Amino acid sequence: MGENEKIAEFVSFCIEMYAREYNMTGGETATLFESNHLIDYLLDNYLELHSQGKEYIIPLLHDFICEGKDK
């Protein structure tokens, strides 16, 4: 598997895990991530984040979304 495929798999994993955690569809979650620039964040920070578990990533992403709504 190439690096781009690994990154795409990681972003998909994050979307799927967030959707499960917050009872959302994958499409709803992808839209939420896109509107909050989370996909860019995940791509930019792949090296630091890809080895973390969902217990770390999901709260991080949720905080990122909540902080964006406060602005």
PDB file of N, CA and C in Angstrom:
ATOM      1  N   MET A   1       0.848  -1.172   0.000  1.00  0.00           N
ATOM      2  CA  MET A   1       0.000   0.000   0.000  1.00  0.00           C
ATOM      3  C   MET A   1       0.894   1.236   0.000  1.00  0.00           C
ATOM      4  N   GLY A   2       0.587   2.164  -0.886  1.00  0.00           N
ATOM      5  CA  GLY A   2       1.363   3.388  -0.986  1.00  0.00           C
ATOM      6  C   GLY A   2       1.018   4.380   0.115  1.00  0.00           C
ATOM      7  N   GLU A   3       1.830   5.400   0.241  1.00  0.00           N
ATOM      8  CA  GLU A   3       1.639   6.406   1.298  1.00  0.00           C
ATOM      9  C   GLU A   3       0.298   7.112   1.160  1.00  0.00           C
ATOM     10  N   ASN A   4      -0.095   7.474  -0.064  1.00  0.00           N
ATOM     11  CA  ASN A   4      -1.376   8.149  -0.266  1.00  0.00           C
ATOM     12  C   ASN A   4      -2.547   7.264   0.137  1.00  0.00           C
ATOM     13  N   GLU A   5      -2.434   5.973  -0.133  1.00  0.00           N
ATOM     14  CA  GLU A   5      -3.490   5.042   0.266  1.00  0.00           C
ATOM     15  C   GLU A   5      -3.573   4.920   1.782  1.00  0.00           C
ATOM     16  N   LYS A   6      -2.430   4.915   2.443  1.00  0.00           N
ATOM     17  CA  LYS A   6      -2.409   4.851   3.910  1.00  0.00           C
ATOM     18  C   LYS A   6      -3.062   6.090   4.513  1.00  0.00           C
ATOM     19  N   ILE A   7      -2.768   7.240   3.941  1.00  0.00           N
ATOM     20  CA  ILE A   7      -3.343   8.489   4.436  1.00  0.00           C
ATOM     21  C   ILE A   7      -4.854   8.496   4.220  1.00  0.00           C
ATOM     22  N   ALA A   8      -5.293   8.076   3.043  1.00  0.00           N
ATOM     23  CA  ALA A   8      -6.725   8.014   2.755  1.00  0.00           C
ATOM     24  C   ALA A   8      -7.429   7.037   3.702  1.00  0.00           C
ATOM     25  N   GLU A   9      -6.794   5.926   3.989  1.00  0.00           N
ATOM     26  CA  GLU A   9      -7.355   4.951   4.923  1.00  0.00           C
ATOM     27  C   GLU A   9      -7.467   5.555   6.326  1.00  0.00           C
ATOM     28  N   PHE A  10      -6.479   6.314   6.734  1.00  0.00           N
ATOM     29  CA  PHE A  10      -6.497   6.958   8.041  1.00  0.00           C
ATOM     30  C   PHE A  10      -7.633   7.973   8.133  1.00  0.00           C
ATOM     31  N   VAL A  11      -7.799   8.801   7.119  1.00  0.00           N
ATOM     32  CA  VAL A  11      -8.878   9.793   7.123  1.00  0.00           C
ATOM     33  C   VAL A  11     -10.231   9.077   7.170  1.00  0.00           C
ATOM     34  N   SER A  12     -10.375   8.006   6.405  1.00  0.00           N
ATOM     35  CA  SER A  12     -11.608   7.217   6.419  1.00  0.00           C
ATOM     36  C   SER A  12     -11.862   6.627   7.798  1.00  0.00           C
ATOM     37  N   PHE A  13     -10.808   6.125   8.427  1.00  0.00           N
ATOM     38  CA  PHE A  13     -10.911   5.582   9.779  1.00  0.00           C
ATOM     39  C   PHE A  13     -11.428   6.653  10.738  1.00  0.00           C
ATOM     40  N   CYS A  14     -10.874   7.847  10.663  1.00  0.00           N
ATOM     41  CA  CYS A  14     -11.283   8.931  11.556  1.00  0.00           C
ATOM     42  C   CYS A  14     -12.752   9.298  11.341  1.00  0.00           C
ATOM     43  N   ILE A  15     -13.160   9.373  10.091  1.00  0.00           N
ATOM     44  CA  ILE A  15     -14.555   9.686   9.782  1.00  0.00           C
ATOM     45  C   ILE A  15     -15.474   8.594  10.321  1.00  0.00           C
ATOM     46  N   GLU A  16     -15.117   7.363  10.082  1.00  0.00           N
ATOM     47  CA  GLU A  16     -15.943   6.237  10.531  1.00  0.00           C
ATOM     48  C   GLU A  16     -16.039   6.187  12.060  1.00  0.00           C
ATOM     49  N   MET A  17     -14.920   6.348  12.737  1.00  0.00           N
ATOM     50  CA  MET A  17     -14.931   6.278  14.197  1.00  0.00           C
ATOM     51  C   MET A  17     -15.698   7.451  14.820  1.00  0.00           C
ATOM     52  N   TYR A  18     -15.549   8.636  14.243  1.00  0.00           N
ATOM     53  CA  TYR A  18     -16.292   9.798  14.742  1.00  0.00           C
ATOM     54  C   TYR A  18     -17.785   9.597  14.515  1.00  0.00           C
ATOM     55  N   ALA A  19     -18.145   9.104  13.344  1.00  0.00           N
ATOM     56  CA  ALA A  19     -19.556   8.852  13.026  1.00  0.00           C
ATOM     57  C   ALA A  19     -20.164   7.859  14.015  1.00  0.00           C
ATOM     58  N   ARG A  20     -19.460   6.799  14.316  1.00  0.00           N
ATOM     59  CA  ARG A  20     -19.952   5.813  15.287  1.00  0.00           C
ATOM     60  C   ARG A  20     -20.115   6.426  16.675  1.00  0.00           C
ATOM     61  N   GLU A  21     -19.126   7.197  17.079  1.00  0.00           N
ATOM     62  CA  GLU A  21     -19.137   7.795  18.423  1.00  0.00           C
ATOM     63  C   GLU A  21     -20.318   8.744  18.605  1.00  0.00           C
ATOM     64  N   TYR A  22     -20.657   9.492  17.564  1.00  0.00           N
ATOM     65  CA  TYR A  22     -21.682  10.521  17.672  1.00  0.00           C
ATOM     66  C   TYR A  22     -22.953  10.178  16.880  1.00  0.00           C
ATOM     67  N   ASN A  23     -23.126   8.898  16.564  1.00  0.00           N
ATOM     68  CA  ASN A  23     -24.340   8.405  15.895  1.00  0.00           C
ATOM     69  C   ASN A  23     -24.699   9.224  14.660  1.00  0.00           C
ATOM     70  N   MET A  24     -23.719   9.401  13.796  1.00  0.00           N
ATOM     71  CA  MET A  24     -23.890  10.146  12.557  1.00  0.00           C
ATOM     72  C   MET A  24     -23.642   9.201  11.390  1.00  0.00           C
ATOM     73  N   THR A  25     -24.098   9.600  10.216  1.00  0.00           N
ATOM     74  CA  THR A  25     -23.756   8.840   9.018  1.00  0.00           C
ATOM     75  C   THR A  25     -22.353   9.237   8.572  1.00  0.00           C
ATOM     76  N   GLY A  26     -21.765   8.430   7.727  1.00  0.00           N
ATOM     77  CA  GLY A  26     -20.454   8.772   7.186  1.00  0.00           C
ATOM     78  C   GLY A  26     -20.503  10.061   6.387  1.00  0.00           C
ATOM     79  N   GLY A  27     -21.582  10.246   5.625  1.00  0.00           N
ATOM     80  CA  GLY A  27     -21.727  11.466   4.831  1.00  0.00           C
ATOM     81  C   GLY A  27     -21.854  12.707   5.692  1.00  0.00           C
ATOM     82  N   GLU A  28     -22.644  12.610   6.767  1.00  0.00           N
ATOM     83  CA  GLU A  28     -22.786  13.742   7.684  1.00  0.00           C
ATOM     84  C   GLU A  28     -21.441  14.090   8.316  1.00  0.00           C
ATOM     85  N   THR A  29     -20.709  13.061   8.691  1.00  0.00           N
ATOM     86  CA  THR A  29     -19.418  13.278   9.332  1.00  0.00           C
ATOM     87  C   THR A  29     -18.413  13.865   8.358  1.00  0.00           C
ATOM     88  N   ALA A  30     -18.388  13.359   7.147  1.00  0.00           N
ATOM     89  CA  ALA A  30     -17.473  13.892   6.137  1.00  0.00           C
ATOM     90  C   ALA A  30     -17.768  15.366   5.873  1.00  0.00           C
ATOM     91  N   THR A  31     -19.047  15.724   5.809  1.00  0.00           N
ATOM     92  CA  THR A  31     -19.436  17.119   5.605  1.00  0.00           C
ATOM     93  C   THR A  31     -19.003  17.976   6.789  1.00  0.00           C
ATOM     94  N   LEU A  32     -19.210  17.473   8.008  1.00  0.00           N
ATOM     95  CA  LEU A  32     -18.783  18.179   9.215  1.00  0.00           C
ATOM     96  C   LEU A  32     -17.272  18.395   9.214  1.00  0.00           C
ATOM     97  N   PHE A  33     -16.532  17.340   8.877  1.00  0.00           N
ATOM     98  CA  PHE A  33     -15.070  17.443   8.833  1.00  0.00           C
ATOM     99  C   PHE A  33     -14.640  18.464   7.785  1.00  0.00           C
ATOM    100  N   GLU A  34     -15.255  18.410   6.624  1.00  0.00           N
ATOM    101  CA  GLU A  34     -14.872  19.321   5.542  1.00  0.00           C
ATOM    102  C   GLU A  34     -15.168  20.770   5.930  1.00  0.00           C
ATOM    103  N   SER A  35     -16.330  21.017   6.508  1.00  0.00           N
ATOM    104  CA  SER A  35     -16.707  22.389   6.845  1.00  0.00           C
ATOM    105  C   SER A  35     -15.865  22.955   7.992  1.00  0.00           C
ATOM    106  N   ASN A  36     -15.269  22.086   8.784  1.00  0.00           N
ATOM    107  CA  ASN A  36     -14.405  22.518   9.886  1.00  0.00           C
ATOM    108  C   ASN A  36     -12.918  22.348   9.569  1.00  0.00           C
ATOM    109  N   HIS A  37     -12.614  22.074   8.317  1.00  0.00           N
ATOM    110  CA  HIS A  37     -11.234  21.924   7.835  1.00  0.00           C
ATOM    111  C   HIS A  37     -10.478  20.785   8.534  1.00  0.00           C
ATOM    112  N   LEU A  38     -11.234  19.802   9.017  1.00  0.00           N
ATOM    113  CA  LEU A  38     -10.593  18.681   9.703  1.00  0.00           C
ATOM    114  C   LEU A  38      -9.878  17.737   8.752  1.00  0.00           C
ATOM    115  N   ILE A  39     -10.357  17.629   7.539  1.00  0.00           N
ATOM    116  CA  ILE A  39      -9.664  16.752   6.587  1.00  0.00           C
ATOM    117  C   ILE A  39      -8.281  17.318   6.310  1.00  0.00           C
ATOM    118  N   ASP A  40      -8.201  18.629   6.117  1.00  0.00           N
ATOM    119  CA  ASP A  40      -6.890  19.263   5.938  1.00  0.00           C
ATOM    120  C   ASP A  40      -6.011  19.045   7.164  1.00  0.00           C
ATOM    121  N   TYR A  41      -6.614  19.191   8.344  1.00  0.00           N
ATOM    122  CA  TYR A  41      -5.876  18.988   9.588  1.00  0.00           C
ATOM    123  C   TYR A  41      -5.324  17.561   9.665  1.00  0.00           C
ATOM    124  N   LEU A  42      -6.155  16.589   9.326  1.00  0.00           N
ATOM    125  CA  LEU A  42      -5.714  15.193   9.365  1.00  0.00           C
ATOM    126  C   LEU A  42      -4.607  14.928   8.347  1.00  0.00           C
ATOM    127  N   LEU A  43      -4.738  15.507   7.169  1.00  0.00           N
ATOM    128  CA  LEU A  43      -3.705  15.332   6.147  1.00  0.00           C
ATOM    129  C   LEU A  43      -2.391  15.984   6.582  1.00  0.00           C
ATOM    130  N   ASP A  44      -2.483  17.183   7.126  1.00  0.00           N
ATOM    131  CA  ASP A  44      -1.289  17.915   7.548  1.00  0.00           C
ATOM    132  C   ASP A  44      -0.597  17.270   8.747  1.00  0.00           C
ATOM    133  N   ASN A  45      -1.357  16.570   9.573  1.00  0.00           N
ATOM    134  CA  ASN A  45      -0.822  16.006  10.809  1.00  0.00           C
ATOM    135  C   ASN A  45      -0.808  14.484  10.820  1.00  0.00           C
ATOM    136  N   TYR A  46      -0.881  13.899   9.639  1.00  0.00           N
ATOM    137  CA  TYR A  46      -0.922  12.440   9.524  1.00  0.00           C
ATOM    138  C   TYR A  46       0.223  11.757  10.277  1.00  0.00           C
ATOM    139  N   LEU A  47       1.429  12.239  10.087  1.00  0.00           N
ATOM    140  CA  LEU A  47       2.589  11.576  10.708  1.00  0.00           C
ATOM    141  C   LEU A  47       2.483  11.518  12.226  1.00  0.00           C
ATOM    142  N   GLU A  48       1.938  12.577  12.828  1.00  0.00           N
ATOM    143  CA  GLU A  48       1.809  12.611  14.284  1.00  0.00           C
ATOM    144  C   GLU A  48       0.606  11.823  14.787  1.00  0.00           C
ATOM    145  N   LEU A  49      -0.458  11.768  13.982  1.00  0.00           N
ATOM    146  CA  LEU A  49      -1.720  11.213  14.465  1.00  0.00           C
ATOM    147  C   LEU A  49      -1.967   9.748  14.104  1.00  0.00           C
ATOM    148  N   HIS A  50      -1.399   9.269  13.008  1.00  0.00           N
ATOM    149  CA  HIS A  50      -1.801   7.948  12.514  1.00  0.00           C
ATOM    150  C   HIS A  50      -1.492   6.796  13.465  1.00  0.00           C
ATOM    151  N   SER A  51      -0.584   7.005  14.378  1.00  0.00           N
ATOM    152  CA  SER A  51      -0.237   5.936  15.313  1.00  0.00           C
ATOM    153  C   SER A  51      -1.052   6.011  16.609  1.00  0.00           C
ATOM    154  N   GLN A  52      -1.904   7.023  16.714  1.00  0.00           N
ATOM    155  CA  GLN A  52      -2.732   7.190  17.904  1.00  0.00           C
ATOM    156  C   GLN A  52      -4.015   6.364  17.770  1.00  0.00           C
ATOM    157  N   GLY A  53      -4.567   5.978  18.878  1.00  0.00           N
ATOM    158  CA  GLY A  53      -5.812   5.231  18.880  1.00  0.00           C
ATOM    159  C   GLY A  53      -7.016   6.158  18.853  1.00  0.00           C
ATOM    160  N   LYS A  54      -8.182   5.559  18.638  1.00  0.00           N
ATOM    161  CA  LYS A  54      -9.401   6.364  18.571  1.00  0.00           C
ATOM    162  C   LYS A  54      -9.699   7.068  19.895  1.00  0.00           C
ATOM    163  N   GLU A  55      -9.212   6.512  21.014  1.00  0.00           N
ATOM    164  CA  GLU A  55      -9.436   7.124  22.319  1.00  0.00           C
ATOM    165  C   GLU A  55      -8.766   8.496  22.413  1.00  0.00           C
ATOM    166  N   TYR A  56      -7.730   8.706  21.640  1.00  0.00           N
ATOM    167  CA  TYR A  56      -7.034   9.988  21.583  1.00  0.00           C
ATOM    168  C   TYR A  56      -7.596  10.868  20.463  1.00  0.00           C
ATOM    169  N   ILE A  57      -7.800  10.274  19.303  1.00  0.00           N
ATOM    170  CA  ILE A  57      -8.160  11.047  18.111  1.00  0.00           C
ATOM    171  C   ILE A  57      -9.573  11.605  18.177  1.00  0.00           C
ATOM    172  N   ILE A  58     -10.547  10.809  18.592  1.00  0.00           N
ATOM    173  CA  ILE A  58     -11.938  11.261  18.576  1.00  0.00           C
ATOM    174  C   ILE A  58     -12.146  12.492  19.476  1.00  0.00           C
ATOM    175  N   PRO A  59     -11.679  12.482  20.728  1.00  0.00           N
ATOM    176  CA  PRO A  59     -11.824  13.708  21.537  1.00  0.00           C
ATOM    177  C   PRO A  59     -11.069  14.902  20.947  1.00  0.00           C
ATOM    178  N   LEU A  60      -9.918  14.661  20.355  1.00  0.00           N
ATOM    179  CA  LEU A  60      -9.149  15.726  19.720  1.00  0.00           C
ATOM    180  C   LEU A  60      -9.960  16.373  18.595  1.00  0.00           C
ATOM    181  N   LEU A  61     -10.565  15.551  17.750  1.00  0.00           N
ATOM    182  CA  LEU A  61     -11.363  16.062  16.641  1.00  0.00           C
ATOM    183  C   LEU A  61     -12.608  16.784  17.148  1.00  0.00           C
ATOM    184  N   HIS A  62     -13.231  16.230  18.172  1.00  0.00           N
ATOM    185  CA  HIS A  62     -14.420  16.863  18.735  1.00  0.00           C
ATOM    186  C   HIS A  62     -14.073  18.240  19.313  1.00  0.00           C
ATOM    187  N   ASP A  63     -12.975  18.326  20.024  1.00  0.00           N
ATOM    188  CA  ASP A  63     -12.529  19.615  20.568  1.00  0.00           C
ATOM    189  C   ASP A  63     -12.250  20.612  19.453  1.00  0.00           C
ATOM    190  N   PHE A  64     -11.640  20.136  18.372  1.00  0.00           N
ATOM    191  CA  PHE A  64     -11.341  20.982  17.229  1.00  0.00           C
ATOM    192  C   PHE A  64     -12.636  21.565  16.661  1.00  0.00           C
ATOM    193  N   ILE A  65     -13.665  20.736  16.531  1.00  0.00           N
ATOM    194  CA  ILE A  65     -14.962  21.184  16.004  1.00  0.00           C
ATOM    195  C   ILE A  65     -15.598  22.176  16.970  1.00  0.00           C
ATOM    196  N   CYS A  66     -15.606  21.862  18.249  1.00  0.00           N
ATOM    197  CA  CYS A  66     -16.225  22.739  19.248  1.00  0.00           C
ATOM    198  C   CYS A  66     -15.521  24.083  19.321  1.00  0.00           C
ATOM    199  N   GLU A  67     -14.213  24.092  19.239  1.00  0.00           N
ATOM    200  CA  GLU A  67     -13.460  25.345  19.263  1.00  0.00           C
ATOM    201  C   GLU A  67     -13.782  26.190  18.037  1.00  0.00           C
ATOM    202  N   GLY A  68     -13.984  25.562  16.904  1.00  0.00           N
ATOM    203  CA  GLY A  68     -14.331  26.277  15.686  1.00  0.00           C
ATOM    204  C   GLY A  68     -15.700  26.936  15.762  1.00  0.00           C
ATOM    205  N   LYS A  69     -16.619  26.307  16.486  1.00  0.00           N
ATOM    206  CA  LYS A  69     -17.965  26.871  16.632  1.00  0.00           C
ATOM    207  C   LYS A  69     -17.980  28.069  17.570  1.00  0.00           C
ATOM    208  N   ASP A  70     -16.989  28.125  18.463  1.00  0.00           N
ATOM    209  CA  ASP A  70     -16.912  29.236  19.418  1.00  0.00           C
ATOM    210  C   ASP A  70     -16.360  30.514  18.786  1.00  0.00           C
ATOM    211  N   LYS A  71     -15.743  30.388  17.624  1.00  0.00           N
ATOM    212  CA  LYS A  71     -15.109  31.554  16.983  1.00  0.00           C
ATOM    213  C   LYS A  71     -16.107  32.400  16.250  1.00  0.00           C
TER     214      LYS A  71
END
